[in-house]
Amino acid sequence: AKWPDRAEMDKLSTPERLDKMRELRKQRDDAMDRREAATRT
């Protein structure tokens, strides 16, 4: 797990940054779903 590269993010247009942030948020949500399932099990 690592932070997105600031220089790389600065090169993106606003819609591209929003898409990248959505992708990262989905990854975090997927990880949280796996942790929730493991906790319940």
PDB file of all heavy atoms in Angstrom:
ATOM      1  N   ALA A   1       0.841  -1.193   0.000  1.00  0.00           N
ATOM      2  CA  ALA A   1       0.000   0.000   0.000  1.00  0.00           C
ATOM      3  C   ALA A   1       0.875   1.242   0.000  1.00  0.00           C
ATOM      4  O   ALA A   1       1.842   1.331   0.737  1.00  0.00           O
ATOM      5  CB  ALA A   1      -0.901   0.003   1.228  1.00  0.00           C
ATOM      6  N   LYS A   2       0.540   2.169  -0.880  1.00  0.00           N
ATOM      7  CA  LYS A   2       1.322   3.395  -0.931  1.00  0.00           C
ATOM      8  C   LYS A   2       0.437   4.540  -1.405  1.00  0.00           C
ATOM      9  O   LYS A   2      -0.609   4.332  -2.005  1.00  0.00           O
ATOM     10  CB  LYS A   2       2.535   3.233  -1.829  1.00  0.00           C
ATOM     11  CG  LYS A   2       2.212   2.841  -3.250  1.00  0.00           C
ATOM     12  CD  LYS A   2       3.474   2.624  -4.054  1.00  0.00           C
ATOM     13  CE  LYS A   2       3.102   2.118  -5.441  1.00  0.00           C
ATOM     14  NZ  LYS A   2       4.255   1.848  -6.234  1.00  0.00           N
ATOM     15  N   TRP A   3       0.881   5.722  -1.116  1.00  0.00           N
ATOM     16  CA  TRP A   3       0.181   6.922  -1.546  1.00  0.00           C
ATOM     17  C   TRP A   3       0.389   7.100  -3.046  1.00  0.00           C
ATOM     18  O   TRP A   3       1.421   6.733  -3.582  1.00  0.00           O
ATOM     19  CB  TRP A   3       0.770   8.136  -0.826  1.00  0.00           C
ATOM     20  CG  TRP A   3       0.494   8.183   0.627  1.00  0.00           C
ATOM     21  CD1 TRP A   3       1.171   7.517   1.605  1.00  0.00           C
ATOM     22  CD2 TRP A   3      -0.516   8.922   1.290  1.00  0.00           C
ATOM     23  NE1 TRP A   3       0.656   7.804   2.834  1.00  0.00           N
ATOM     24  CE2 TRP A   3      -0.389   8.677   2.662  1.00  0.00           C
ATOM     25  CE3 TRP A   3      -1.509   9.784   0.851  1.00  0.00           C
ATOM     26  CZ2 TRP A   3      -1.229   9.255   3.602  1.00  0.00           C
ATOM     27  CZ3 TRP A   3      -2.340  10.362   1.797  1.00  0.00           C
ATOM     28  CH2 TRP A   3      -2.200  10.086   3.143  1.00  0.00           C
ATOM     29  N   PRO A   4      -0.579   7.735  -3.704  1.00  0.00           N
ATOM     30  CA  PRO A   4      -0.335   8.041  -5.125  1.00  0.00           C
ATOM     31  C   PRO A   4       0.786   9.073  -5.243  1.00  0.00           C
ATOM     32  O   PRO A   4       0.947   9.929  -4.375  1.00  0.00           O
ATOM     33  CB  PRO A   4      -1.671   8.616  -5.598  1.00  0.00           C
ATOM     34  CG  PRO A   4      -2.448   8.945  -4.387  1.00  0.00           C
ATOM     35  CD  PRO A   4      -1.886   8.146  -3.255  1.00  0.00           C
ATOM     36  N   ASP A   5       1.546   8.977  -6.311  1.00  0.00           N
ATOM     37  CA  ASP A   5       2.649   9.897  -6.530  1.00  0.00           C
ATOM     38  C   ASP A   5       2.097  11.282  -6.839  1.00  0.00           C
ATOM     39  O   ASP A   5       1.305  11.454  -7.769  1.00  0.00           O
ATOM     40  CB  ASP A   5       3.523   9.399  -7.682  1.00  0.00           C
ATOM     41  CG  ASP A   5       4.711  10.301  -7.945  1.00  0.00           C
ATOM     42  OD1 ASP A   5       5.409  10.641  -6.974  1.00  0.00           O
ATOM     43  OD2 ASP A   5       4.918  10.658  -9.117  1.00  0.00           O
ATOM     44  N   ARG A   6       2.494  12.270  -6.047  1.00  0.00           N
ATOM     45  CA  ARG A   6       1.975  13.630  -6.200  1.00  0.00           C
ATOM     46  C   ARG A   6       2.304  14.210  -7.580  1.00  0.00           C
ATOM     47  O   ARG A   6       1.451  14.820  -8.225  1.00  0.00           O
ATOM     48  CB  ARG A   6       2.553  14.511  -5.084  1.00  0.00           C
ATOM     49  CG  ARG A   6       2.114  15.937  -5.119  1.00  0.00           C
ATOM     50  CD  ARG A   6       0.622  16.027  -4.892  1.00  0.00           C
ATOM     51  NE  ARG A   6       0.191  17.401  -4.885  1.00  0.00           N
ATOM     52  CZ  ARG A   6      -0.613  17.910  -3.998  1.00  0.00           C
ATOM     53  NH1 ARG A   6      -1.096  17.162  -3.028  1.00  0.00           N
ATOM     54  NH2 ARG A   6      -0.980  19.165  -4.058  1.00  0.00           N
ATOM     55  N   ALA A   7       3.527  14.020  -8.034  1.00  0.00           N
ATOM     56  CA  ALA A   7       3.928  14.551  -9.335  1.00  0.00           C
ATOM     57  C   ALA A   7       3.092  13.926 -10.452  1.00  0.00           C
ATOM     58  O   ALA A   7       2.673  14.618 -11.391  1.00  0.00           O
ATOM     59  CB  ALA A   7       5.416  14.306  -9.574  1.00  0.00           C
ATOM     60  N   GLU A   8       2.838  12.638 -10.335  1.00  0.00           N
ATOM     61  CA  GLU A   8       2.025  11.947 -11.335  1.00  0.00           C
ATOM     62  C   GLU A   8       0.588  12.466 -11.311  1.00  0.00           C
ATOM     63  O   GLU A   8      -0.020  12.701 -12.358  1.00  0.00           O
ATOM     64  CB  GLU A   8       2.042  10.444 -11.063  1.00  0.00           C
ATOM     65  CG  GLU A   8       1.311   9.614 -12.089  1.00  0.00           C
ATOM     66  CD  GLU A   8       1.370   8.132 -11.749  1.00  0.00           C
ATOM     67  OE1 GLU A   8       2.471   7.636 -11.463  1.00  0.00           O
ATOM     68  OE2 GLU A   8       0.298   7.496 -11.785  1.00  0.00           O
ATOM     69  N   MET A   9       0.050  12.666 -10.120  1.00  0.00           N
ATOM     70  CA  MET A   9      -1.317  13.176  -9.985  1.00  0.00           C
ATOM     71  C   MET A   9      -1.426  14.603 -10.533  1.00  0.00           C
ATOM     72  O   MET A   9      -2.443  14.965 -11.122  1.00  0.00           O
ATOM     73  CB  MET A   9      -1.770  13.135  -8.524  1.00  0.00           C
ATOM     74  CG  MET A   9      -1.965  11.744  -7.958  1.00  0.00           C
ATOM     75  SD  MET A   9      -3.326  10.836  -8.699  1.00  0.00           S
ATOM     76  CE  MET A   9      -4.707  11.547  -7.828  1.00  0.00           C
ATOM     77  N   ASP A  10      -0.391  15.416 -10.340  1.00  0.00           N
ATOM     78  CA  ASP A  10      -0.405  16.797 -10.827  1.00  0.00           C
ATOM     79  C   ASP A  10      -0.444  16.866 -12.350  1.00  0.00           C
ATOM     80  O   ASP A  10      -0.920  17.855 -12.909  1.00  0.00           O
ATOM     81  CB  ASP A  10       0.806  17.569 -10.305  1.00  0.00           C
ATOM     82  CG  ASP A  10       0.680  17.913  -8.829  1.00  0.00           C
ATOM     83  OD1 ASP A  10      -0.446  17.836  -8.287  1.00  0.00           O
ATOM     84  OD2 ASP A  10       1.710  18.251  -8.216  1.00  0.00           O
ATOM     85  N   LYS A  11       0.048  15.841 -13.023  1.00  0.00           N
ATOM     86  CA  LYS A  11       0.064  15.817 -14.484  1.00  0.00           C
ATOM     87  C   LYS A  11      -1.318  15.496 -15.063  1.00  0.00           C
ATOM     88  O   LYS A  11      -1.569  15.737 -16.240  1.00  0.00           O
ATOM     89  CB  LYS A  11       1.067  14.787 -14.984  1.00  0.00           C
ATOM     90  CG  LYS A  11       2.505  15.138 -14.698  1.00  0.00           C
ATOM     91  CD  LYS A  11       3.423  14.027 -15.165  1.00  0.00           C
ATOM     92  CE  LYS A  11       4.856  14.292 -14.748  1.00  0.00           C
ATOM     93  NZ  LYS A  11       5.728  13.175 -15.116  1.00  0.00           N
ATOM     94  N   LEU A  12      -2.202  14.931 -14.233  1.00  0.00           N
ATOM     95  CA  LEU A  12      -3.518  14.515 -14.715  1.00  0.00           C
ATOM     96  C   LEU A  12      -4.479  15.696 -14.768  1.00  0.00           C
ATOM     97  O   LEU A  12      -4.378  16.635 -13.973  1.00  0.00           O
ATOM     98  CB  LEU A  12      -4.092  13.433 -13.801  1.00  0.00           C
ATOM     99  CG  LEU A  12      -3.276  12.151 -13.647  1.00  0.00           C
ATOM    100  CD1 LEU A  12      -3.932  11.242 -12.626  1.00  0.00           C
ATOM    101  CD2 LEU A  12      -3.118  11.445 -14.979  1.00  0.00           C
ATOM    102  N   SER A  13      -5.429  15.618 -15.677  1.00  0.00           N
ATOM    103  CA  SER A  13      -6.498  16.616 -15.711  1.00  0.00           C
ATOM    104  C   SER A  13      -7.447  16.321 -14.542  1.00  0.00           C
ATOM    105  O   SER A  13      -7.393  15.240 -13.938  1.00  0.00           O
ATOM    106  CB  SER A  13      -7.255  16.536 -17.035  1.00  0.00           C
ATOM    107  OG  SER A  13      -7.968  15.317 -17.119  1.00  0.00           O
ATOM    108  N   THR A  14      -8.309  17.245 -14.238  1.00  0.00           N
ATOM    109  CA  THR A  14      -9.242  17.049 -13.127  1.00  0.00           C
ATOM    110  C   THR A  14     -10.089  15.798 -13.304  1.00  0.00           C
ATOM    111  O   THR A  14     -10.191  14.991 -12.374  1.00  0.00           O
ATOM    112  CB  THR A  14     -10.122  18.300 -12.932  1.00  0.00           C
ATOM    113  OG1 THR A  14      -9.262  19.403 -12.596  1.00  0.00           O
ATOM    114  CG2 THR A  14     -11.141  18.091 -11.822  1.00  0.00           C
ATOM    115  N   PRO A  15     -10.696  15.566 -14.467  1.00  0.00           N
ATOM    116  CA  PRO A  15     -11.468  14.313 -14.619  1.00  0.00           C
ATOM    117  C   PRO A  15     -10.609  13.066 -14.446  1.00  0.00           C
ATOM    118  O   PRO A  15     -11.057  12.070 -13.869  1.00  0.00           O
ATOM    119  CB  PRO A  15     -12.031  14.400 -16.042  1.00  0.00           C
ATOM    120  CG  PRO A  15     -12.077  15.863 -16.350  1.00  0.00           C
ATOM    121  CD  PRO A  15     -10.882  16.439 -15.641  1.00  0.00           C
ATOM    122  N   GLU A  16      -9.363  13.113 -14.928  1.00  0.00           N
ATOM    123  CA  GLU A  16      -8.475  11.952 -14.766  1.00  0.00           C
ATOM    124  C   GLU A  16      -8.127  11.743 -13.292  1.00  0.00           C
ATOM    125  O   GLU A  16      -8.069  10.603 -12.814  1.00  0.00           O
ATOM    126  CB  GLU A  16      -7.198  12.149 -15.581  1.00  0.00           C
ATOM    127  CG  GLU A  16      -7.430  12.081 -17.082  1.00  0.00           C
ATOM    128  CD  GLU A  16      -6.221  12.519 -17.893  1.00  0.00           C
ATOM    129  OE1 GLU A  16      -5.414  13.340 -17.403  1.00  0.00           O
ATOM    130  OE2 GLU A  16      -6.091  12.035 -19.031  1.00  0.00           O
ATOM    131  N   ARG A  17      -7.896  12.836 -12.568  1.00  0.00           N
ATOM    132  CA  ARG A  17      -7.619  12.722 -11.118  1.00  0.00           C
ATOM    133  C   ARG A  17      -8.824  12.137 -10.392  1.00  0.00           C
ATOM    134  O   ARG A  17      -8.688  11.298  -9.503  1.00  0.00           O
ATOM    135  CB  ARG A  17      -7.263  14.089 -10.524  1.00  0.00           C
ATOM    136  CG  ARG A  17      -5.809  14.426 -10.615  1.00  0.00           C
ATOM    137  CD  ARG A  17      -5.430  15.582  -9.691  1.00  0.00           C
ATOM    138  NE  ARG A  17      -6.237  16.774  -9.874  1.00  0.00           N
ATOM    139  CZ  ARG A  17      -5.982  17.746 -10.742  1.00  0.00           C
ATOM    140  NH1 ARG A  17      -4.916  17.662 -11.520  1.00  0.00           N
ATOM    141  NH2 ARG A  17      -6.764  18.796 -10.831  1.00  0.00           N
ATOM    142  N   LEU A  18     -10.011  12.601 -10.762  1.00  0.00           N
ATOM    143  CA  LEU A  18     -11.236  12.072 -10.150  1.00  0.00           C
ATOM    144  C   LEU A  18     -11.372  10.578 -10.425  1.00  0.00           C
ATOM    145  O   LEU A  18     -11.746   9.809  -9.532  1.00  0.00           O
ATOM    146  CB  LEU A  18     -12.464  12.828 -10.665  1.00  0.00           C
ATOM    147  CG  LEU A  18     -12.579  14.280 -10.212  1.00  0.00           C
ATOM    148  CD1 LEU A  18     -13.715  14.971 -10.957  1.00  0.00           C
ATOM    149  CD2 LEU A  18     -12.763  14.365  -8.714  1.00  0.00           C
ATOM    150  N   ASP A  19     -11.057  10.161 -11.643  1.00  0.00           N
ATOM    151  CA  ASP A  19     -11.109   8.733 -11.979  1.00  0.00           C
ATOM    152  C   ASP A  19     -10.100   7.939 -11.146  1.00  0.00           C
ATOM    153  O   ASP A  19     -10.401   6.852 -10.648  1.00  0.00           O
ATOM    154  CB  ASP A  19     -10.839   8.512 -13.473  1.00  0.00           C
ATOM    155  CG  ASP A  19     -11.972   9.014 -14.360  1.00  0.00           C
ATOM    156  OD1 ASP A  19     -13.100   9.202 -13.847  1.00  0.00           O
ATOM    157  OD2 ASP A  19     -11.720   9.212 -15.573  1.00  0.00           O
ATOM    158  N   LYS A  20      -8.891   8.494 -10.998  1.00  0.00           N
ATOM    159  CA  LYS A  20      -7.846   7.837 -10.205  1.00  0.00           C
ATOM    160  C   LYS A  20      -8.281   7.728  -8.742  1.00  0.00           C
ATOM    161  O   LYS A  20      -8.113   6.676  -8.106  1.00  0.00           O
ATOM    162  CB  LYS A  20      -6.537   8.628 -10.329  1.00  0.00           C
ATOM    163  CG  LYS A  20      -5.390   8.049  -9.550  1.00  0.00           C
ATOM    164  CD  LYS A  20      -4.895   6.765 -10.172  1.00  0.00           C
ATOM    165  CE  LYS A  20      -3.617   6.318  -9.510  1.00  0.00           C
ATOM    166  NZ  LYS A  20      -3.183   5.028 -10.011  1.00  0.00           N
ATOM    167  N   MET A  21      -8.854   8.799  -8.213  1.00  0.00           N
ATOM    168  CA  MET A  21      -9.309   8.770  -6.815  1.00  0.00           C
ATOM    169  C   MET A  21     -10.463   7.786  -6.642  1.00  0.00           C
ATOM    170  O   MET A  21     -10.544   7.097  -5.625  1.00  0.00           O
ATOM    171  CB  MET A  21      -9.692  10.179  -6.357  1.00  0.00           C
ATOM    172  CG  MET A  21      -8.480  11.087  -6.254  1.00  0.00           C
ATOM    173  SD  MET A  21      -8.724  12.771  -5.634  1.00  0.00           S
ATOM    174  CE  MET A  21     -10.273  13.289  -6.227  1.00  0.00           C
ATOM    175  N   ARG A  22     -11.341   7.691  -7.635  1.00  0.00           N
ATOM    176  CA  ARG A  22     -12.429   6.711  -7.571  1.00  0.00           C
ATOM    177  C   ARG A  22     -11.861   5.287  -7.543  1.00  0.00           C
ATOM    178  O   ARG A  22     -12.312   4.428  -6.794  1.00  0.00           O
ATOM    179  CB  ARG A  22     -13.375   6.870  -8.755  1.00  0.00           C
ATOM    180  CG  ARG A  22     -14.521   5.844  -8.761  1.00  0.00           C
ATOM    181  CD  ARG A  22     -15.389   5.982  -9.993  1.00  0.00           C
ATOM    182  NE  ARG A  22     -15.997   7.288 -10.091  1.00  0.00           N
ATOM    183  CZ  ARG A  22     -17.158   7.618  -9.513  1.00  0.00           C
ATOM    184  NH1 ARG A  22     -17.814   6.726  -8.809  1.00  0.00           N
ATOM    185  NH2 ARG A  22     -17.652   8.822  -9.664  1.00  0.00           N
ATOM    186  N   GLU A  23     -10.846   5.040  -8.377  1.00  0.00           N
ATOM    187  CA  GLU A  23     -10.193   3.728  -8.423  1.00  0.00           C
ATOM    188  C   GLU A  23      -9.570   3.386  -7.057  1.00  0.00           C
ATOM    189  O   GLU A  23      -9.734   2.267  -6.553  1.00  0.00           O
ATOM    190  CB  GLU A  23      -9.119   3.741  -9.507  1.00  0.00           C
ATOM    191  CG  GLU A  23      -8.316   2.466  -9.612  1.00  0.00           C
ATOM    192  CD  GLU A  23      -7.141   2.622 -10.574  1.00  0.00           C
ATOM    193  OE1 GLU A  23      -7.279   3.343 -11.575  1.00  0.00           O
ATOM    194  OE2 GLU A  23      -6.093   2.011 -10.293  1.00  0.00           O
ATOM    195  N   LEU A  24      -8.869   4.340  -6.461  1.00  0.00           N
ATOM    196  CA  LEU A  24      -8.258   4.111  -5.148  1.00  0.00           C
ATOM    197  C   LEU A  24      -9.320   3.875  -4.081  1.00  0.00           C
ATOM    198  O   LEU A  24      -9.166   3.021  -3.202  1.00  0.00           O
ATOM    199  CB  LEU A  24      -7.364   5.297  -4.766  1.00  0.00           C
ATOM    200  CG  LEU A  24      -6.134   5.497  -5.643  1.00  0.00           C
ATOM    201  CD1 LEU A  24      -5.456   6.825  -5.322  1.00  0.00           C
ATOM    202  CD2 LEU A  24      -5.170   4.337  -5.482  1.00  0.00           C
ATOM    203  N   ARG A  25     -10.417   4.636  -4.158  1.00  0.00           N
ATOM    204  CA  ARG A  25     -11.510   4.463  -3.196  1.00  0.00           C
ATOM    205  C   ARG A  25     -12.131   3.080  -3.345  1.00  0.00           C
ATOM    206  O   ARG A  25     -12.441   2.418  -2.357  1.00  0.00           O
ATOM    207  CB  ARG A  25     -12.543   5.570  -3.420  1.00  0.00           C
ATOM    208  CG  ARG A  25     -13.592   5.648  -2.346  1.00  0.00           C
ATOM    209  CD  ARG A  25     -14.454   6.903  -2.463  1.00  0.00           C
ATOM    210  NE  ARG A  25     -15.090   7.039  -3.770  1.00  0.00           N
ATOM    211  CZ  ARG A  25     -14.825   8.006  -4.650  1.00  0.00           C
ATOM    212  NH1 ARG A  25     -13.921   8.921  -4.387  1.00  0.00           N
ATOM    213  NH2 ARG A  25     -15.470   8.058  -5.802  1.00  0.00           N
ATOM    214  N   LYS A  26     -12.281   2.606  -4.588  1.00  0.00           N
ATOM    215  CA  LYS A  26     -12.827   1.266  -4.813  1.00  0.00           C
ATOM    216  C   LYS A  26     -11.906   0.201  -4.230  1.00  0.00           C
ATOM    217  O   LYS A  26     -12.370  -0.764  -3.622  1.00  0.00           O
ATOM    218  CB  LYS A  26     -13.032   1.020  -6.308  1.00  0.00           C
ATOM    219  CG  LYS A  26     -13.511  -0.397  -6.601  1.00  0.00           C
ATOM    220  CD  LYS A  26     -14.391  -0.485  -7.784  1.00  0.00           C
ATOM    221  CE  LYS A  26     -14.852  -1.864  -8.122  1.00  0.00           C
ATOM    222  NZ  LYS A  26     -15.001  -2.809  -7.055  1.00  0.00           N
ATOM    223  N   GLN A  27     -10.594   0.377  -4.382  1.00  0.00           N
ATOM    224  CA  GLN A  27      -9.642  -0.570  -3.801  1.00  0.00           C
ATOM    225  C   GLN A  27      -9.778  -0.615  -2.280  1.00  0.00           C
ATOM    226  O   GLN A  27      -9.762  -1.692  -1.679  1.00  0.00           O
ATOM    227  CB  GLN A  27      -8.216  -0.205  -4.195  1.00  0.00           C
ATOM    228  CG  GLN A  27      -7.908  -0.425  -5.647  1.00  0.00           C
ATOM    229  CD  GLN A  27      -6.550   0.125  -6.053  1.00  0.00           C
ATOM    230  OE1 GLN A  27      -5.788   0.616  -5.234  1.00  0.00           O
ATOM    231  NE2 GLN A  27      -6.253   0.060  -7.350  1.00  0.00           N
ATOM    232  N   ARG A  28      -9.916   0.560  -1.655  1.00  0.00           N
ATOM    233  CA  ARG A  28     -10.084   0.600  -0.199  1.00  0.00           C
ATOM    234  C   ARG A  28     -11.397  -0.056   0.216  1.00  0.00           C
ATOM    235  O   ARG A  28     -11.462  -0.786   1.206  1.00  0.00           O
ATOM    236  CB  ARG A  28     -10.018   2.039   0.317  1.00  0.00           C
ATOM    237  CG  ARG A  28      -8.631   2.618   0.327  1.00  0.00           C
ATOM    238  CD  ARG A  28      -8.572   3.937   1.088  1.00  0.00           C
ATOM    239  NE  ARG A  28      -9.558   4.915   0.650  1.00  0.00           N
ATOM    240  CZ  ARG A  28      -9.371   5.823  -0.303  1.00  0.00           C
ATOM    241  NH1 ARG A  28      -8.217   5.882  -0.930  1.00  0.00           N
ATOM    242  NH2 ARG A  28     -10.330   6.670  -0.617  1.00  0.00           N
ATOM    243  N   ASP A  29     -12.469   0.220  -0.539  1.00  0.00           N
ATOM    244  CA  ASP A  29     -13.763  -0.387  -0.232  1.00  0.00           C
ATOM    245  C   ASP A  29     -13.714  -1.904  -0.386  1.00  0.00           C
ATOM    246  O   ASP A  29     -14.284  -2.637   0.435  1.00  0.00           O
ATOM    247  CB  ASP A  29     -14.857   0.191  -1.135  1.00  0.00           C
ATOM    248  CG  ASP A  29     -15.229   1.625  -0.780  1.00  0.00           C
ATOM    249  OD1 ASP A  29     -14.834   2.096   0.316  1.00  0.00           O
ATOM    250  OD2 ASP A  29     -15.900   2.280  -1.610  1.00  0.00           O
ATOM    251  N   ASP A  30     -13.043  -2.386  -1.422  1.00  0.00           N
ATOM    252  CA  ASP A  30     -12.908  -3.837  -1.621  1.00  0.00           C
ATOM    253  C   ASP A  30     -12.145  -4.469  -0.459  1.00  0.00           C
ATOM    254  O   ASP A  30     -12.518  -5.536   0.041  1.00  0.00           O
ATOM    255  CB  ASP A  30     -12.202  -4.146  -2.943  1.00  0.00           C
ATOM    256  CG  ASP A  30     -13.059  -3.822  -4.160  1.00  0.00           C
ATOM    257  OD1 ASP A  30     -14.284  -3.626  -4.008  1.00  0.00           O
ATOM    258  OD2 ASP A  30     -12.484  -3.759  -5.272  1.00  0.00           O
ATOM    259  N   ALA A  31     -11.078  -3.798  -0.009  1.00  0.00           N
ATOM    260  CA  ALA A  31     -10.308  -4.309   1.129  1.00  0.00           C
ATOM    261  C   ALA A  31     -11.174  -4.326   2.384  1.00  0.00           C
ATOM    262  O   ALA A  31     -11.132  -5.279   3.172  1.00  0.00           O
ATOM    263  CB  ALA A  31      -9.053  -3.468   1.349  1.00  0.00           C
ATOM    264  N   MET A  32     -11.967  -3.290   2.580  1.00  0.00           N
ATOM    265  CA  MET A  32     -12.846  -3.241   3.750  1.00  0.00           C
ATOM    266  C   MET A  32     -13.898  -4.350   3.678  1.00  0.00           C
ATOM    267  O   MET A  32     -14.215  -4.974   4.701  1.00  0.00           O
ATOM    268  CB  MET A  32     -13.513  -1.877   3.852  1.00  0.00           C
ATOM    269  CG  MET A  32     -14.289  -1.698   5.126  1.00  0.00           C
ATOM    270  SD  MET A  32     -14.763   0.022   5.311  1.00  0.00           S
ATOM    271  CE  MET A  32     -15.679  -0.072   6.829  1.00  0.00           C
ATOM    272  N   ASP A  33     -14.434  -4.617   2.494  1.00  0.00           N
ATOM    273  CA  ASP A  33     -15.406  -5.704   2.330  1.00  0.00           C
ATOM    274  C   ASP A  33     -14.775  -7.055   2.683  1.00  0.00           C
ATOM    275  O   ASP A  33     -15.415  -7.894   3.335  1.00  0.00           O
ATOM    276  CB  ASP A  33     -15.944  -5.749   0.899  1.00  0.00           C
ATOM    277  CG  ASP A  33     -16.869  -4.582   0.585  1.00  0.00           C
ATOM    278  OD1 ASP A  33     -17.331  -3.887   1.520  1.00  0.00           O
ATOM    279  OD2 ASP A  33     -17.114  -4.337  -0.626  1.00  0.00           O
ATOM    280  N   ARG A  34     -13.518  -7.272   2.252  1.00  0.00           N
ATOM    281  CA  ARG A  34     -12.836  -8.531   2.595  1.00  0.00           C
ATOM    282  C   ARG A  34     -12.638  -8.640   4.105  1.00  0.00           C
ATOM    283  O   ARG A  34     -12.828  -9.715   4.692  1.00  0.00           O
ATOM    284  CB  ARG A  34     -11.500  -8.622   1.873  1.00  0.00           C
ATOM    285  CG  ARG A  34     -11.618  -8.932   0.398  1.00  0.00           C
ATOM    286  CD  ARG A  34     -10.271  -9.264  -0.236  1.00  0.00           C
ATOM    287  NE  ARG A  34      -9.300  -8.176  -0.119  1.00  0.00           N
ATOM    288  CZ  ARG A  34      -9.217  -7.156  -0.960  1.00  0.00           C
ATOM    289  NH1 ARG A  34     -10.029  -7.064  -1.975  1.00  0.00           N
ATOM    290  NH2 ARG A  34      -8.294  -6.222  -0.777  1.00  0.00           N
ATOM    291  N   ARG A  35     -12.251  -7.537   4.737  1.00  0.00           N
ATOM    292  CA  ARG A  35     -12.048  -7.554   6.194  1.00  0.00           C
ATOM    293  C   ARG A  35     -13.361  -7.797   6.925  1.00  0.00           C
ATOM    294  O   ARG A  35     -13.401  -8.516   7.918  1.00  0.00           O
ATOM    295  CB  ARG A  35     -11.409  -6.248   6.643  1.00  0.00           C
ATOM    296  CG  ARG A  35      -9.971  -6.137   6.216  1.00  0.00           C
ATOM    297  CD  ARG A  35      -9.387  -4.812   6.637  1.00  0.00           C
ATOM    298  NE  ARG A  35      -7.987  -4.736   6.269  1.00  0.00           N
ATOM    299  CZ  ARG A  35      -7.425  -3.694   5.700  1.00  0.00           C
ATOM    300  NH1 ARG A  35      -8.140  -2.616   5.440  1.00  0.00           N
ATOM    301  NH2 ARG A  35      -6.153  -3.710   5.406  1.00  0.00           N
ATOM    302  N   GLU A  36     -14.424  -7.187   6.440  1.00  0.00           N
ATOM    303  CA  GLU A  36     -15.732  -7.401   7.062  1.00  0.00           C
ATOM    304  C   GLU A  36     -16.145  -8.865   6.965  1.00  0.00           C
ATOM    305  O   GLU A  36     -16.594  -9.465   7.949  1.00  0.00           O
ATOM    306  CB  GLU A  36     -16.791  -6.518   6.397  1.00  0.00           C
ATOM    307  CG  GLU A  36     -18.177  -6.737   6.972  1.00  0.00           C
ATOM    308  CD  GLU A  36     -19.243  -5.946   6.236  1.00  0.00           C
ATOM    309  OE1 GLU A  36     -18.923  -4.964   5.539  1.00  0.00           O
ATOM    310  OE2 GLU A  36     -20.416  -6.334   6.368  1.00  0.00           O
ATOM    311  N   ALA A  37     -15.977  -9.458   5.794  1.00  0.00           N
ATOM    312  CA  ALA A  37     -16.342 -10.865   5.604  1.00  0.00           C
ATOM    313  C   ALA A  37     -15.498 -11.762   6.504  1.00  0.00           C
ATOM    314  O   ALA A  37     -16.021 -12.704   7.118  1.00  0.00           O
ATOM    315  CB  ALA A  37     -16.166 -11.260   4.138  1.00  0.00           C
ATOM    316  N   ALA A  38     -14.209 -11.470   6.614  1.00  0.00           N
ATOM    317  CA  ALA A  38     -13.332 -12.270   7.480  1.00  0.00           C
ATOM    318  C   ALA A  38     -13.746 -12.136   8.938  1.00  0.00           C
ATOM    319  O   ALA A  38     -13.741 -13.122   9.685  1.00  0.00           O
ATOM    320  CB  ALA A  38     -11.880 -11.841   7.297  1.00  0.00           C
ATOM    321  N   THR A  39     -14.120 -10.931   9.345  1.00  0.00           N
ATOM    322  CA  THR A  39     -14.546 -10.715  10.732  1.00  0.00           C
ATOM    323  C   THR A  39     -15.817 -11.499  11.010  1.00  0.00           C
ATOM    324  O   THR A  39     -15.933 -12.174  12.043  1.00  0.00           O
ATOM    325  CB  THR A  39     -14.773  -9.216  10.999  1.00  0.00           C
ATOM    326  OG1 THR A  39     -13.555  -8.523  10.758  1.00  0.00           O
ATOM    327  CG2 THR A  39     -15.206  -8.981  12.439  1.00  0.00           C
ATOM    328  N   ARG A  40     -16.780 -11.417  10.106  1.00  0.00           N
ATOM    329  CA  ARG A  40     -18.042 -12.137  10.302  1.00  0.00           C
ATOM    330  C   ARG A  40     -17.819 -13.660  10.360  1.00  0.00           C
ATOM    331  O   ARG A  40     -18.415 -14.346  11.185  1.00  0.00           O
ATOM    332  CB  ARG A  40     -19.027 -11.797   9.191  1.00  0.00           C
ATOM    333  CG  ARG A  40     -19.568 -10.386   9.275  1.00  0.00           C
ATOM    334  CD  ARG A  40     -20.511 -10.099   8.104  1.00  0.00           C
ATOM    335  NE  ARG A  40     -20.932  -8.728   8.084  1.00  0.00           N
ATOM    336  CZ  ARG A  40     -21.952  -8.249   8.784  1.00  0.00           C
ATOM    337  NH1 ARG A  40     -22.656  -9.048   9.554  1.00  0.00           N
ATOM    338  NH2 ARG A  40     -22.281  -6.978   8.709  1.00  0.00           N
ATOM    339  N   THR A  41     -16.967 -14.162   9.479  1.00  0.00           N
ATOM    340  CA  THR A  41     -16.692 -15.595   9.447  1.00  0.00           C
ATOM    341  C   THR A  41     -16.036 -16.052  10.749  1.00  0.00           C
ATOM    342  O   THR A  41     -16.449 -17.053  11.344  1.00  0.00           O
ATOM    343  CB  THR A  41     -15.786 -15.937   8.246  1.00  0.00           C
ATOM    344  OG1 THR A  41     -16.456 -15.545   7.048  1.00  0.00           O
ATOM    345  CG2 THR A  41     -15.468 -17.417   8.195  1.00  0.00           C
TER     346      THR A  41
END
